[in-house]
All heavy atoms as atom14 arrays in JSON, in Angstrom:
{
  "sequence": "SVFCVTSDSGYYGYSQCFSSYLHPSKPFPSPVFLTKDSH",
  "atom14_mask": [
    [1, 1, 1, 1, 1, 1, 0, 0, 0, 0, 0, 0, 0, 0],
    [1, 1, 1, 1, 1, 1, 1, 0, 0, 0, 0, 0, 0, 0],
    [1, 1, 1, 1, 1, 1, 1, 1, 1, 1, 1, 0, 0, 0],
    [1, 1, 1, 1, 1, 1, 0, 0, 0, 0, 0, 0, 0, 0],
    [1, 1, 1, 1, 1, 1, 1, 0, 0, 0, 0, 0, 0, 0],
    [1, 1, 1, 1, 1, 1, 1, 0, 0, 0, 0, 0, 0, 0],
    [1, 1, 1, 1, 1, 1, 0, 0, 0, 0, 0, 0, 0, 0],
    [1, 1, 1, 1, 1, 1, 1, 1, 0, 0, 0, 0, 0, 0],
    [1, 1, 1, 1, 1, 1, 0, 0, 0, 0, 0, 0, 0, 0],
    [1, 1, 1, 1, 0, 0, 0, 0, 0, 0, 0, 0, 0, 0],
    [1, 1, 1, 1, 1, 1, 1, 1, 1, 1, 1, 1, 0, 0],
    [1, 1, 1, 1, 1, 1, 1, 1, 1, 1, 1, 1, 0, 0],
    [1, 1, 1, 1, 0, 0, 0, 0, 0, 0, 0, 0, 0, 0],
    [1, 1, 1, 1, 1, 1, 1, 1, 1, 1, 1, 1, 0, 0],
    [1, 1, 1, 1, 1, 1, 0, 0, 0, 0, 0, 0, 0, 0],
    [1, 1, 1, 1, 1, 1, 1, 1, 1, 0, 0, 0, 0, 0],
    [1, 1, 1, 1, 1, 1, 0, 0, 0, 0, 0, 0, 0, 0],
    [1, 1, 1, 1, 1, 1, 1, 1, 1, 1, 1, 0, 0, 0],
    [1, 1, 1, 1, 1, 1, 0, 0, 0, 0, 0, 0, 0, 0],
    [1, 1, 1, 1, 1, 1, 0, 0, 0, 0, 0, 0, 0, 0],
    [1, 1, 1, 1, 1, 1, 1, 1, 1, 1, 1, 1, 0, 0],
    [1, 1, 1, 1, 1, 1, 1, 1, 0, 0, 0, 0, 0, 0],
    [1, 1, 1, 1, 1, 1, 1, 1, 1, 1, 0, 0, 0, 0],
    [1, 1, 1, 1, 1, 1, 1, 0, 0, 0, 0, 0, 0, 0],
    [1, 1, 1, 1, 1, 1, 0, 0, 0, 0, 0, 0, 0, 0],
    [1, 1, 1, 1, 1, 1, 1, 1, 1, 0, 0, 0, 0, 0],
    [1, 1, 1, 1, 1, 1, 1, 0, 0, 0, 0, 0, 0, 0],
    [1, 1, 1, 1, 1, 1, 1, 1, 1, 1, 1, 0, 0, 0],
    [1, 1, 1, 1, 1, 1, 1, 0, 0, 0, 0, 0, 0, 0],
    [1, 1, 1, 1, 1, 1, 0, 0, 0, 0, 0, 0, 0, 0],
    [1, 1, 1, 1, 1, 1, 1, 0, 0, 0, 0, 0, 0, 0],
    [1, 1, 1, 1, 1, 1, 1, 0, 0, 0, 0, 0, 0, 0],
    [1, 1, 1, 1, 1, 1, 1, 1, 1, 1, 1, 0, 0, 0],
    [1, 1, 1, 1, 1, 1, 1, 1, 0, 0, 0, 0, 0, 0],
    [1, 1, 1, 1, 1, 1, 1, 0, 0, 0, 0, 0, 0, 0],
    [1, 1, 1, 1, 1, 1, 1, 1, 1, 0, 0, 0, 0, 0],
    [1, 1, 1, 1, 1, 1, 1, 1, 0, 0, 0, 0, 0, 0],
    [1, 1, 1, 1, 1, 1, 0, 0, 0, 0, 0, 0, 0, 0],
    [1, 1, 1, 1, 1, 1, 1, 1, 1, 1, 0, 0, 0, 0]
  ],
  "atom14_positions": [
    [[48.64, 32.42, 170.32], [48.67, 33.57, 169.42], [48.91, 33.18, 167.97], [49.31, 34.02, 167.15], [49.73, 34.58, 169.87], [50.98, 33.97, 169.9], [0.0, 0.0, 0.0], [0.0, 0.0, 0.0], [0.0, 0.0, 0.0], [0.0, 0.0, 0.0], [0.0, 0.0, 0.0], [0.0, 0.0, 0.0], [0.0, 0.0, 0.0], [0.0, 0.0, 0.0]],
    [[48.67, 31.96, 167.61], [48.79, 31.5, 166.29], [47.94, 32.36, 165.37], [46.78, 32.64, 165.68], [48.43, 29.99, 166.11], [48.31, 29.62, 164.65], [49.5, 29.14, 166.8], [0.0, 0.0, 0.0], [0.0, 0.0, 0.0], [0.0, 0.0, 0.0], [0.0, 0.0, 0.0], [0.0, 0.0, 0.0], [0.0, 0.0, 0.0], [0.0, 0.0, 0.0]],
    [[48.51, 32.79, 164.23], [47.81, 33.62, 163.26], [47.42, 35.01, 163.85], [46.44, 35.6, 163.47], [46.57, 32.93, 162.68], [46.9, 31.59, 162.09], [46.11, 30.47, 162.38], [47.98, 31.43, 161.26], [46.44, 29.22, 161.87], [48.31, 30.18, 160.74], [47.51, 29.07, 161.03], [0.0, 0.0, 0.0], [0.0, 0.0, 0.0], [0.0, 0.0, 0.0]],
    [[48.19, 35.46, 164.8], [47.97, 36.81, 165.35], [49.27, 37.55, 165.3], [50.21, 37.24, 166.08], [47.44, 36.69, 166.81], [47.21, 38.31, 167.54], [0.0, 0.0, 0.0], [0.0, 0.0, 0.0], [0.0, 0.0, 0.0], [0.0, 0.0, 0.0], [0.0, 0.0, 0.0], [0.0, 0.0, 0.0], [0.0, 0.0, 0.0], [0.0, 0.0, 0.0]],
    [[49.4, 38.51, 164.38], [50.63, 39.26, 164.2], [50.44, 40.71, 164.55], [49.49, 41.34, 164.12], [51.13, 39.11, 162.7], [52.49, 39.75, 162.61], [51.13, 37.69, 162.29], [0.0, 0.0, 0.0], [0.0, 0.0, 0.0], [0.0, 0.0, 0.0], [0.0, 0.0, 0.0], [0.0, 0.0, 0.0], [0.0, 0.0, 0.0], [0.0, 0.0, 0.0]],
    [[51.27, 41.3, 165.36], [51.13, 42.67, 165.73], [51.51, 43.54, 164.54], [52.38, 43.24, 163.77], [52.03, 43.04, 166.91], [53.38, 42.66, 166.57], [51.66, 42.26, 168.15], [0.0, 0.0, 0.0], [0.0, 0.0, 0.0], [0.0, 0.0, 0.0], [0.0, 0.0, 0.0], [0.0, 0.0, 0.0], [0.0, 0.0, 0.0], [0.0, 0.0, 0.0]],
    [[50.81, 44.65, 164.39], [50.96, 45.49, 163.21], [52.34, 46.12, 163.07], [52.77, 46.5, 162.01], [49.92, 46.63, 163.23], [50.03, 47.4, 164.39], [0.0, 0.0, 0.0], [0.0, 0.0, 0.0], [0.0, 0.0, 0.0], [0.0, 0.0, 0.0], [0.0, 0.0, 0.0], [0.0, 0.0, 0.0], [0.0, 0.0, 0.0], [0.0, 0.0, 0.0]],
    [[53.11, 46.22, 164.26], [54.4, 46.86, 164.15], [55.49, 45.91, 163.73], [56.67, 46.31, 163.72], [54.76, 47.51, 165.51], [54.86, 46.52, 166.66], [54.61, 45.31, 166.37], [55.16, 46.95, 167.78], [0.0, 0.0, 0.0], [0.0, 0.0, 0.0], [0.0, 0.0, 0.0], [0.0, 0.0, 0.0], [0.0, 0.0, 0.0], [0.0, 0.0, 0.0]],
    [[55.13, 44.66, 163.45], [56.09, 43.7, 163.0], [56.65, 44.0, 161.63], [57.66, 43.55, 161.22], [55.53, 42.3, 163.02], [54.6, 42.15, 161.96], [0.0, 0.0, 0.0], [0.0, 0.0, 0.0], [0.0, 0.0, 0.0], [0.0, 0.0, 0.0], [0.0, 0.0, 0.0], [0.0, 0.0, 0.0], [0.0, 0.0, 0.0], [0.0, 0.0, 0.0]],
    [[55.88, 44.78, 160.85], [56.29, 45.03, 159.46], [55.81, 44.0, 158.49], [55.99, 44.16, 157.29], [0.0, 0.0, 0.0], [0.0, 0.0, 0.0], [0.0, 0.0, 0.0], [0.0, 0.0, 0.0], [0.0, 0.0, 0.0], [0.0, 0.0, 0.0], [0.0, 0.0, 0.0], [0.0, 0.0, 0.0], [0.0, 0.0, 0.0], [0.0, 0.0, 0.0]],
    [[55.26, 42.9, 159.02], [54.81, 41.83, 158.12], [53.36, 41.44, 158.45], [52.99, 40.3, 158.32], [55.76, 40.62, 158.23], [57.18, 40.96, 157.84], [58.11, 41.28, 158.78], [57.5, 41.1, 156.51], [59.4, 41.65, 158.44], [58.76, 41.45, 156.14], [59.72, 41.74, 157.09], [60.98, 42.11, 156.71], [0.0, 0.0, 0.0], [0.0, 0.0, 0.0]],
    [[52.59, 42.43, 158.8], [51.19, 42.19, 159.01], [50.56, 41.63, 157.73], [50.67, 42.18, 156.69], [50.5, 43.49, 159.47], [49.03, 43.25, 159.86], [48.7, 42.7, 161.08], [48.0, 43.6, 158.96], [47.41, 42.47, 161.45], [46.71, 43.37, 159.38], [46.38, 42.82, 160.56], [45.06, 42.58, 160.95], [0.0, 0.0, 0.0], [0.0, 0.0, 0.0]],
    [[49.91, 40.53, 157.85], [49.32, 39.93, 156.68], [49.96, 38.62, 156.34], [49.36, 37.79, 155.59], [0.0, 0.0, 0.0], [0.0, 0.0, 0.0], [0.0, 0.0, 0.0], [0.0, 0.0, 0.0], [0.0, 0.0, 0.0], [0.0, 0.0, 0.0], [0.0, 0.0, 0.0], [0.0, 0.0, 0.0], [0.0, 0.0, 0.0], [0.0, 0.0, 0.0]],
    [[51.17, 38.4, 156.83], [51.85, 37.12, 156.5], [51.01, 36.0, 157.08], [50.84, 34.94, 156.37], [53.23, 37.07, 157.07], [54.03, 35.84, 156.7], [54.88, 35.87, 155.64], [53.84, 34.63, 157.35], [55.64, 34.76, 155.24], [54.55, 33.49, 156.98], [55.46, 33.57, 155.93], [56.14, 32.42, 155.58], [0.0, 0.0, 0.0], [0.0, 0.0, 0.0]],
    [[50.49, 36.07, 158.28], [49.79, 35.0, 158.91], [48.49, 34.75, 158.15], [48.07, 33.6, 157.98], [49.48, 35.34, 160.35], [48.75, 36.49, 160.47], [0.0, 0.0, 0.0], [0.0, 0.0, 0.0], [0.0, 0.0, 0.0], [0.0, 0.0, 0.0], [0.0, 0.0, 0.0], [0.0, 0.0, 0.0], [0.0, 0.0, 0.0], [0.0, 0.0, 0.0]],
    [[47.86, 35.83, 157.65], [46.62, 35.67, 156.88], [46.94, 34.95, 155.55], [46.19, 34.08, 155.09], [45.97, 37.02, 156.61], [45.23, 37.62, 157.8], [46.22, 38.26, 158.82], [47.39, 38.4, 158.51], [45.63, 38.61, 159.96], [0.0, 0.0, 0.0], [0.0, 0.0, 0.0], [0.0, 0.0, 0.0], [0.0, 0.0, 0.0], [0.0, 0.0, 0.0]],
    [[48.07, 35.32, 154.94], [48.53, 34.62, 153.73], [48.7, 33.16, 154.02], [48.24, 32.29, 153.26], [49.81, 35.29, 153.2], [50.54, 34.46, 151.78], [0.0, 0.0, 0.0], [0.0, 0.0, 0.0], [0.0, 0.0, 0.0], [0.0, 0.0, 0.0], [0.0, 0.0, 0.0], [0.0, 0.0, 0.0], [0.0, 0.0, 0.0], [0.0, 0.0, 0.0]],
    [[49.42, 32.88, 155.08], [49.74, 31.49, 155.42], [48.48, 30.66, 155.65], [48.29, 29.56, 155.14], [50.66, 31.42, 156.61], [51.17, 30.06, 156.95], [52.22, 29.48, 156.22], [50.57, 29.3, 157.98], [52.68, 28.22, 156.53], [51.02, 28.03, 158.28], [52.08, 27.5, 157.56], [0.0, 0.0, 0.0], [0.0, 0.0, 0.0], [0.0, 0.0, 0.0]],
    [[47.55, 31.24, 156.45], [46.34, 30.48, 156.82], [45.46, 30.28, 155.6], [44.68, 29.33, 155.58], [45.58, 31.21, 157.91], [45.15, 32.53, 157.47], [0.0, 0.0, 0.0], [0.0, 0.0, 0.0], [0.0, 0.0, 0.0], [0.0, 0.0, 0.0], [0.0, 0.0, 0.0], [0.0, 0.0, 0.0], [0.0, 0.0, 0.0], [0.0, 0.0, 0.0]],
    [[45.58, 31.15, 154.57], [44.73, 31.0, 153.41], [45.07, 29.75, 152.59], [44.25, 29.29, 151.79], [44.82, 32.23, 152.49], [46.13, 32.3, 151.89], [0.0, 0.0, 0.0], [0.0, 0.0, 0.0], [0.0, 0.0, 0.0], [0.0, 0.0, 0.0], [0.0, 0.0, 0.0], [0.0, 0.0, 0.0], [0.0, 0.0, 0.0], [0.0, 0.0, 0.0]],
    [[46.28, 29.24, 152.8], [46.69, 28.04, 152.07], [46.28, 26.77, 152.81], [46.42, 25.67, 152.25], [48.23, 28.04, 151.92], [48.71, 28.9, 150.82], [49.05, 30.24, 151.05], [48.91, 28.44, 149.49], [49.47, 31.12, 150.07], [49.38, 29.26, 148.52], [49.66, 30.62, 148.79], [50.14, 31.41, 147.81], [0.0, 0.0, 0.0], [0.0, 0.0, 0.0]],
    [[45.79, 26.86, 154.05], [45.49, 25.69, 154.85], [44.11, 25.18, 154.6], [43.19, 25.97, 154.35], [45.7, 25.96, 156.29], [47.09, 26.57, 156.67], [47.17, 26.75, 158.17], [48.22, 25.63, 156.19], [0.0, 0.0, 0.0], [0.0, 0.0, 0.0], [0.0, 0.0, 0.0], [0.0, 0.0, 0.0], [0.0, 0.0, 0.0], [0.0, 0.0, 0.0]],
    [[43.92, 23.9, 154.71], [42.66, 23.3, 154.49], [42.33, 22.42, 155.73], [42.78, 21.29, 155.83], [42.65, 22.39, 153.21], [43.06, 23.19, 152.0], [42.23, 24.05, 151.34], [44.25, 23.25, 151.35], [42.86, 24.61, 150.31], [44.12, 24.11, 150.3], [0.0, 0.0, 0.0], [0.0, 0.0, 0.0], [0.0, 0.0, 0.0], [0.0, 0.0, 0.0]],
    [[41.51, 22.9, 156.65], [41.27, 22.18, 157.89], [40.68, 20.8, 157.7], [40.79, 19.95, 158.62], [40.27, 23.1, 158.62], [40.49, 24.47, 158.01], [40.88, 24.24, 156.6], [0.0, 0.0, 0.0], [0.0, 0.0, 0.0], [0.0, 0.0, 0.0], [0.0, 0.0, 0.0], [0.0, 0.0, 0.0], [0.0, 0.0, 0.0], [0.0, 0.0, 0.0]],
    [[40.04, 20.59, 156.55], [39.4, 19.28, 156.35], [40.39, 18.22, 155.96], [40.06, 17.0, 155.92], [38.37, 19.39, 155.21], [38.97, 19.79, 154.04], [0.0, 0.0, 0.0], [0.0, 0.0, 0.0], [0.0, 0.0, 0.0], [0.0, 0.0, 0.0], [0.0, 0.0, 0.0], [0.0, 0.0, 0.0], [0.0, 0.0, 0.0], [0.0, 0.0, 0.0]],
    [[41.64, 18.58, 155.71], [42.63, 17.6, 155.28], [42.96, 16.62, 156.45], [42.91, 17.01, 157.62], [43.93, 18.27, 154.83], [43.72, 19.11, 153.54], [43.49, 18.24, 152.34], [43.47, 19.11, 151.09], [43.21, 18.27, 149.92], [0.0, 0.0, 0.0], [0.0, 0.0, 0.0], [0.0, 0.0, 0.0], [0.0, 0.0, 0.0], [0.0, 0.0, 0.0]],
    [[43.31, 15.35, 156.11], [43.48, 14.37, 157.17], [44.88, 14.4, 157.83], [45.52, 13.4, 157.95], [43.31, 13.04, 156.4], [43.75, 13.36, 155.03], [43.37, 14.78, 154.76], [0.0, 0.0, 0.0], [0.0, 0.0, 0.0], [0.0, 0.0, 0.0], [0.0, 0.0, 0.0], [0.0, 0.0, 0.0], [0.0, 0.0, 0.0], [0.0, 0.0, 0.0]],
    [[45.34, 15.63, 158.19], [46.62, 15.74, 158.9], [46.52, 16.96, 159.79], [45.71, 17.89, 159.51], [47.79, 15.79, 157.95], [47.6, 16.65, 156.79], [47.74, 18.07, 156.9], [47.36, 16.13, 155.5], [47.59, 18.89, 155.76], [47.17, 16.94, 154.43], [47.29, 18.32, 154.56], [0.0, 0.0, 0.0], [0.0, 0.0, 0.0], [0.0, 0.0, 0.0]],
    [[47.26, 17.01, 160.82], [47.16, 18.19, 161.75], [47.55, 19.51, 161.08], [48.26, 19.52, 160.09], [48.18, 17.84, 162.85], [48.43, 16.37, 162.72], [48.28, 16.06, 161.26], [0.0, 0.0, 0.0], [0.0, 0.0, 0.0], [0.0, 0.0, 0.0], [0.0, 0.0, 0.0], [0.0, 0.0, 0.0], [0.0, 0.0, 0.0], [0.0, 0.0, 0.0]],
    [[47.04, 20.59, 161.65], [47.43, 21.94, 161.2], [48.86, 22.18, 161.67], [49.32, 21.62, 162.66], [46.46, 22.98, 161.78], [45.21, 22.78, 161.27], [0.0, 0.0, 0.0], [0.0, 0.0, 0.0], [0.0, 0.0, 0.0], [0.0, 0.0, 0.0], [0.0, 0.0, 0.0], [0.0, 0.0, 0.0], [0.0, 0.0, 0.0], [0.0, 0.0, 0.0]],
    [[49.58, 23.0, 160.94], [50.96, 23.29, 161.35], [51.01, 24.17, 162.6], [50.01, 24.83, 162.92], [51.51, 24.07, 160.16], [50.31, 24.75, 159.56], [49.16, 23.74, 159.76], [0.0, 0.0, 0.0], [0.0, 0.0, 0.0], [0.0, 0.0, 0.0], [0.0, 0.0, 0.0], [0.0, 0.0, 0.0], [0.0, 0.0, 0.0], [0.0, 0.0, 0.0]],
    [[52.09, 24.16, 163.26], [52.35, 25.1, 164.34], [52.91, 26.37, 163.74], [53.92, 26.28, 162.99], [53.31, 24.55, 165.42], [53.59, 25.59, 166.45], [52.71, 23.31, 166.05], [0.0, 0.0, 0.0], [0.0, 0.0, 0.0], [0.0, 0.0, 0.0], [0.0, 0.0, 0.0], [0.0, 0.0, 0.0], [0.0, 0.0, 0.0], [0.0, 0.0, 0.0]],
    [[52.28, 27.47, 163.91], [52.72, 28.8, 163.36], [52.94, 29.71, 164.52], [52.02, 30.05, 165.25], [51.67, 29.3, 162.41], [52.04, 30.58, 161.72], [52.61, 30.59, 160.46], [51.86, 31.81, 162.34], [52.97, 31.79, 159.84], [52.19, 33.0, 161.74], [52.77, 32.99, 160.49], [0.0, 0.0, 0.0], [0.0, 0.0, 0.0], [0.0, 0.0, 0.0]],
    [[54.15, 30.2, 164.71], [54.52, 31.0, 165.85], [55.01, 32.39, 165.45], [55.94, 32.45, 164.59], [55.58, 30.26, 166.72], [55.21, 28.86, 167.22], [56.39, 28.19, 167.88], [54.02, 28.95, 168.2], [0.0, 0.0, 0.0], [0.0, 0.0, 0.0], [0.0, 0.0, 0.0], [0.0, 0.0, 0.0], [0.0, 0.0, 0.0], [0.0, 0.0, 0.0]],
    [[54.5, 33.37, 166.1], [55.01, 34.73, 165.89], [55.95, 35.07, 167.08], [56.0, 34.29, 168.06], [53.91, 35.8, 165.88], [53.37, 35.93, 167.2], [52.77, 35.32, 164.95], [0.0, 0.0, 0.0], [0.0, 0.0, 0.0], [0.0, 0.0, 0.0], [0.0, 0.0, 0.0], [0.0, 0.0, 0.0], [0.0, 0.0, 0.0], [0.0, 0.0, 0.0]],
    [[56.62, 36.16, 167.04], [57.5, 36.56, 168.14], [56.67, 36.8, 169.42], [57.29, 36.85, 170.5], [58.28, 37.79, 167.73], [59.39, 37.53, 166.72], [60.18, 38.78, 166.42], [61.31, 38.46, 165.44], [62.13, 39.7, 165.08], [0.0, 0.0, 0.0], [0.0, 0.0, 0.0], [0.0, 0.0, 0.0], [0.0, 0.0, 0.0], [0.0, 0.0, 0.0]],
    [[55.39, 37.06, 169.24], [54.54, 37.26, 170.41], [54.08, 35.95, 171.08], [53.53, 36.0, 172.2], [53.31, 38.07, 170.0], [53.64, 39.4, 169.36], [54.67, 39.95, 169.79], [52.9, 39.87, 168.52], [0.0, 0.0, 0.0], [0.0, 0.0, 0.0], [0.0, 0.0, 0.0], [0.0, 0.0, 0.0], [0.0, 0.0, 0.0], [0.0, 0.0, 0.0]],
    [[54.26, 34.86, 170.36], [53.72, 33.58, 170.89], [54.46, 33.12, 172.11], [55.73, 33.24, 172.21], [53.81, 32.48, 169.77], [53.14, 32.94, 168.62], [0.0, 0.0, 0.0], [0.0, 0.0, 0.0], [0.0, 0.0, 0.0], [0.0, 0.0, 0.0], [0.0, 0.0, 0.0], [0.0, 0.0, 0.0], [0.0, 0.0, 0.0], [0.0, 0.0, 0.0]],
    [[53.75, 32.53, 173.06], [54.34, 32.05, 174.28], [55.37, 30.94, 173.98], [56.37, 30.8, 174.71], [53.26, 31.52, 175.23], [52.31, 32.56, 175.69], [52.72, 33.69, 176.4], [50.96, 32.65, 175.57], [51.64, 34.44, 176.67], [50.58, 33.81, 176.16], [0.0, 0.0, 0.0], [0.0, 0.0, 0.0], [0.0, 0.0, 0.0], [0.0, 0.0, 0.0]]
  ]
}
């Protein structure tokens, strides 16, 4: 459920903000990003 935030969290959009800063082409792994819904 990375980058999947339920709307009742009060912070819908944080994950989109965070993902907008990431660059998949960079030579290092993507971060682990966990919401309260994540397993």
